[in-house]
Amino acid sequence: MHNLLKEIDGTVDARVDDFENEDDPEFTGWHRIEHLLWEKGDTAAAVPFAEQLVADLETLQTELETLEIPPAALTVGAGELIEEVSTGKITGEENRYSRTCLWDFAANVEGSEKVIVLLTPALDQANPALLGSITQGFADIDAALASYQEGVGYRSYETLTEADKTQMQTILAGLSENLAQVSGALGLEG
């Protein structure tokens, strides 16, 4: 099953960098659809990729329902979500065609924050100072993201300055470092 999950991840979230070009038939998923919609303006061409994406995500959902996830995977995953933004998505490569990168940033932060909310009672007992640092890190990145909100969404990523990106990257790096300590604090390593 683990291989199936990796395969589905590759088909739904691969970037064009892993393929010959945007027209490579193996380039599928979110980013192929994103390219067709934002770069080509071709909704009809996006339909078969959207249908395949839905099928892949339904398979993923079915597989996840039977997957046993060890507690340490959640704590490590929370940190990896933030690290992914700090070291990769901050470059703007995630949604290079639509420039909706801030939506992804916010989703990663929300997912990571949800794990910490669930672990708050245990973490508060094991290491309240670490919990305080993590809580402050989430408050800081939430405030930074809020400053880029427009209506119900976010500004286009290209409107951010290098200083904006550096500020967010600094907050995210500190948060990532603190999140990396959660497994140990809760005795989940090993």
Protein backbone atom coordinates (compact mmCIF):
# COMPACT_ATOMS: atom_id res chain seq x y z
CA MET A 1 0.00 0.00 0.00
CA HIS A 2 2.86 2.40 0.77
CA ASN A 3 4.03 2.19 -2.85
CA LEU A 4 0.51 2.93 -4.07
CA LEU A 5 0.42 6.08 -1.93
CA LYS A 6 3.76 7.23 -3.37
CA GLU A 7 2.52 6.51 -6.89
CA ILE A 8 -0.68 8.49 -6.33
CA ASP A 9 1.31 11.37 -4.86
CA GLY A 10 3.45 11.35 -7.99
CA THR A 11 0.46 11.43 -10.32
CA VAL A 12 -1.49 14.11 -8.47
CA ASP A 13 1.24 16.51 -7.32
CA ALA A 14 4.23 16.19 -9.68
CA ARG A 15 5.81 19.35 -11.11
CA VAL A 16 6.70 19.71 -14.78
CA ASP A 17 10.38 19.65 -13.74
CA ASP A 18 10.09 15.86 -13.50
CA PHE A 19 9.01 15.53 -17.14
CA GLU A 20 10.15 16.44 -20.63
CA ASN A 21 7.80 19.45 -20.83
CA GLU A 22 4.24 20.58 -20.10
CA ASP A 23 2.89 18.40 -22.94
CA ASP A 24 4.44 15.17 -21.67
CA PRO A 25 1.56 12.67 -21.33
CA GLU A 26 2.99 11.48 -17.99
CA PHE A 27 2.65 15.01 -16.55
CA THR A 28 -0.74 14.83 -14.81
CA GLY A 29 -2.51 16.04 -11.69
CA TRP A 30 -2.98 19.44 -10.12
CA HIS A 31 -0.12 21.14 -11.86
CA ARG A 32 -0.98 19.88 -15.35
CA ILE A 33 -4.49 21.22 -14.82
CA GLU A 34 -3.07 24.45 -13.41
CA HIS A 35 -0.91 24.86 -16.53
CA LEU A 36 -3.83 24.18 -18.89
CA LEU A 37 -6.10 26.64 -17.10
CA TRP A 38 -3.73 29.53 -16.35
CA GLU A 39 -1.21 29.29 -19.18
CA LYS A 40 -3.33 27.85 -21.99
CA GLY A 41 -6.82 28.94 -20.93
CA ASP A 42 -8.04 25.56 -22.16
CA THR A 43 -10.72 24.14 -19.89
CA ALA A 44 -11.65 21.40 -22.38
CA ALA A 45 -8.10 20.03 -22.41
CA ALA A 46 -8.13 19.99 -18.60
CA VAL A 47 -11.22 17.75 -18.35
CA PRO A 48 -9.53 14.34 -18.79
CA PHE A 49 -6.80 15.33 -16.32
CA ALA A 50 -9.43 16.52 -13.85
CA GLU A 51 -11.33 13.25 -14.19
CA GLN A 52 -8.14 11.27 -13.57
CA LEU A 53 -7.31 13.49 -10.61
CA VAL A 54 -10.70 12.80 -9.04
CA ALA A 55 -10.24 9.05 -9.54
CA ASP A 56 -6.73 9.17 -8.05
CA LEU A 57 -7.93 11.16 -5.04
CA GLU A 58 -10.81 8.74 -4.46
CA THR A 59 -8.30 5.86 -4.47
CA LEU A 60 -6.11 7.82 -2.07
CA GLN A 61 -9.03 8.41 0.29
CA THR A 62 -9.95 4.72 0.25
CA GLU A 63 -6.36 3.70 0.97
CA LEU A 64 -5.96 6.26 3.76
CA GLU A 65 -9.00 4.86 5.57
CA THR A 66 -7.17 1.55 6.03
CA LEU A 67 -3.74 2.99 6.77
CA GLU A 68 -2.40 2.75 10.30
CA ILE A 69 -0.43 5.91 11.03
CA PRO A 70 2.02 5.77 13.94
CA PRO A 71 1.90 8.79 16.29
CA ALA A 72 5.50 9.77 15.47
CA ALA A 73 4.54 10.09 11.80
CA LEU A 74 2.07 12.83 12.74
CA THR A 75 4.58 14.83 14.71
CA VAL A 76 7.26 14.44 12.05
CA GLY A 77 4.71 15.24 9.34
CA ALA A 78 3.70 18.47 11.08
CA GLY A 79 7.30 19.65 10.94
CA GLU A 80 7.77 18.49 7.36
CA LEU A 81 4.75 20.52 6.22
CA ILE A 82 6.35 23.67 7.57
CA GLU A 83 9.80 22.79 6.28
CA GLU A 84 8.31 22.18 2.82
CA VAL A 85 7.02 25.76 2.76
CA SER A 86 10.22 27.20 4.24
CA THR A 87 12.61 25.52 1.82
CA GLY A 88 10.57 24.75 -1.29
CA LYS A 89 7.26 26.48 -1.71
CA ILE A 90 8.72 29.82 -0.66
CA THR A 91 10.45 29.92 -4.06
CA GLY A 92 7.09 30.17 -5.82
CA GLU A 93 7.59 26.91 -7.70
CA GLU A 94 4.55 25.21 -6.20
CA ASN A 95 1.92 27.03 -8.24
CA ARG A 96 4.10 28.69 -10.84
CA TYR A 97 1.29 29.11 -13.37
CA SER A 98 -1.55 30.33 -11.15
CA ARG A 99 0.62 32.14 -8.58
CA THR A 100 -1.68 30.88 -5.80
CA CYS A 101 1.24 29.76 -3.65
CA LEU A 102 -0.03 31.54 -0.55
CA TRP A 103 -3.09 29.27 -0.52
CA ASP A 104 -0.75 26.28 -0.32
CA PHE A 105 1.35 27.94 2.36
CA ALA A 106 -1.77 28.51 4.44
CA ALA A 107 -2.95 24.92 3.93
CA ASN A 108 0.43 23.52 5.07
CA VAL A 109 0.38 25.78 8.12
CA GLU A 110 -3.23 24.81 8.92
CA GLY A 111 -2.45 21.09 8.64
CA SER A 112 0.60 21.35 10.85
CA GLU A 113 -1.20 23.52 13.36
CA LYS A 114 -4.07 21.01 13.58
CA VAL A 115 -1.63 18.28 14.64
CA ILE A 116 -0.24 20.50 17.39
CA VAL A 117 -3.74 21.43 18.57
CA LEU A 118 -4.50 17.71 18.94
CA LEU A 119 -1.24 17.16 20.82
CA THR A 120 -1.50 20.28 23.00
CA PRO A 121 -2.53 18.50 26.23
CA ALA A 122 0.36 16.03 26.02
CA LEU A 123 2.87 18.62 24.86
CA ASP A 124 1.78 21.09 27.54
CA GLN A 125 2.50 18.44 30.15
CA ALA A 126 5.80 17.27 28.58
CA ASN A 127 7.32 20.61 27.56
CA PRO A 128 5.22 23.74 28.06
CA ALA A 129 8.06 26.03 26.94
CA LEU A 130 8.32 24.22 23.61
CA LEU A 131 4.54 24.39 23.20
CA GLY A 132 4.72 28.14 23.88
CA SER A 133 7.40 28.61 21.23
CA ILE A 134 5.42 26.60 18.71
CA THR A 135 2.20 28.45 19.51
CA GLN A 136 4.02 31.77 19.03
CA GLY A 137 5.51 30.55 15.74
CA PHE A 138 2.06 29.66 14.44
CA ALA A 139 0.70 33.04 15.59
CA ASP A 140 3.55 34.80 13.77
CA ILE A 141 3.12 32.93 10.47
CA ASP A 142 -0.67 33.24 10.67
CA ALA A 143 -0.27 37.02 11.09
CA ALA A 144 2.17 37.20 8.17
CA LEU A 145 -0.22 35.24 5.94
CA ALA A 146 -3.16 37.38 7.07
CA SER A 147 -1.33 40.47 5.83
CA TYR A 148 -1.47 39.02 2.29
CA GLN A 149 -5.17 38.17 2.35
CA GLU A 150 -7.45 39.68 -0.23
CA GLY A 151 -11.15 39.02 0.17
CA VAL A 152 -11.61 35.32 0.87
CA GLY A 153 -8.22 34.42 -0.59
CA TYR A 154 -4.69 35.67 -0.95
CA ARG A 155 -2.82 38.06 -3.21
CA SER A 156 -0.92 36.69 -6.15
CA TYR A 157 2.45 35.39 -5.03
CA GLU A 158 4.33 37.60 -7.48
CA THR A 159 3.23 40.69 -5.51
CA LEU A 160 5.38 39.67 -2.53
CA THR A 161 8.73 41.35 -2.21
CA GLU A 162 11.95 39.51 -1.41
CA ALA A 163 11.72 41.07 2.08
CA ASP A 164 8.22 39.58 2.50
CA LYS A 165 9.50 36.15 1.50
CA THR A 166 12.54 36.42 3.75
CA GLN A 167 10.38 37.42 6.72
CA MET A 168 8.10 34.42 6.18
CA GLN A 169 11.04 32.09 5.62
CA THR A 170 12.60 33.21 8.91
CA ILE A 171 9.38 32.59 10.83
CA LEU A 172 8.90 29.22 9.14
CA ALA A 173 12.48 28.11 9.80
CA GLY A 174 12.12 28.81 13.53
CA LEU A 175 8.77 27.06 13.65
CA SER A 176 10.18 24.09 11.76
CA GLU A 177 13.07 23.79 14.24
CA ASN A 178 10.65 23.79 17.17
CA LEU A 179 8.34 21.27 15.52
CA ALA A 180 11.30 18.95 14.98
CA GLN A 181 11.56 18.66 18.78
CA VAL A 182 7.98 17.48 19.35
CA SER A 183 8.58 13.75 18.81
CA GLY A 184 11.42 13.76 21.33
CA ALA A 185 9.47 15.83 23.82
CA LEU A 186 6.62 13.34 23.66
CA GLY A 187 8.89 10.28 23.71
CA LEU A 188 7.80 9.22 20.23
CA GLU A 189 11.24 8.83 18.67
CA GLY A 190 12.59 5.45 17.81
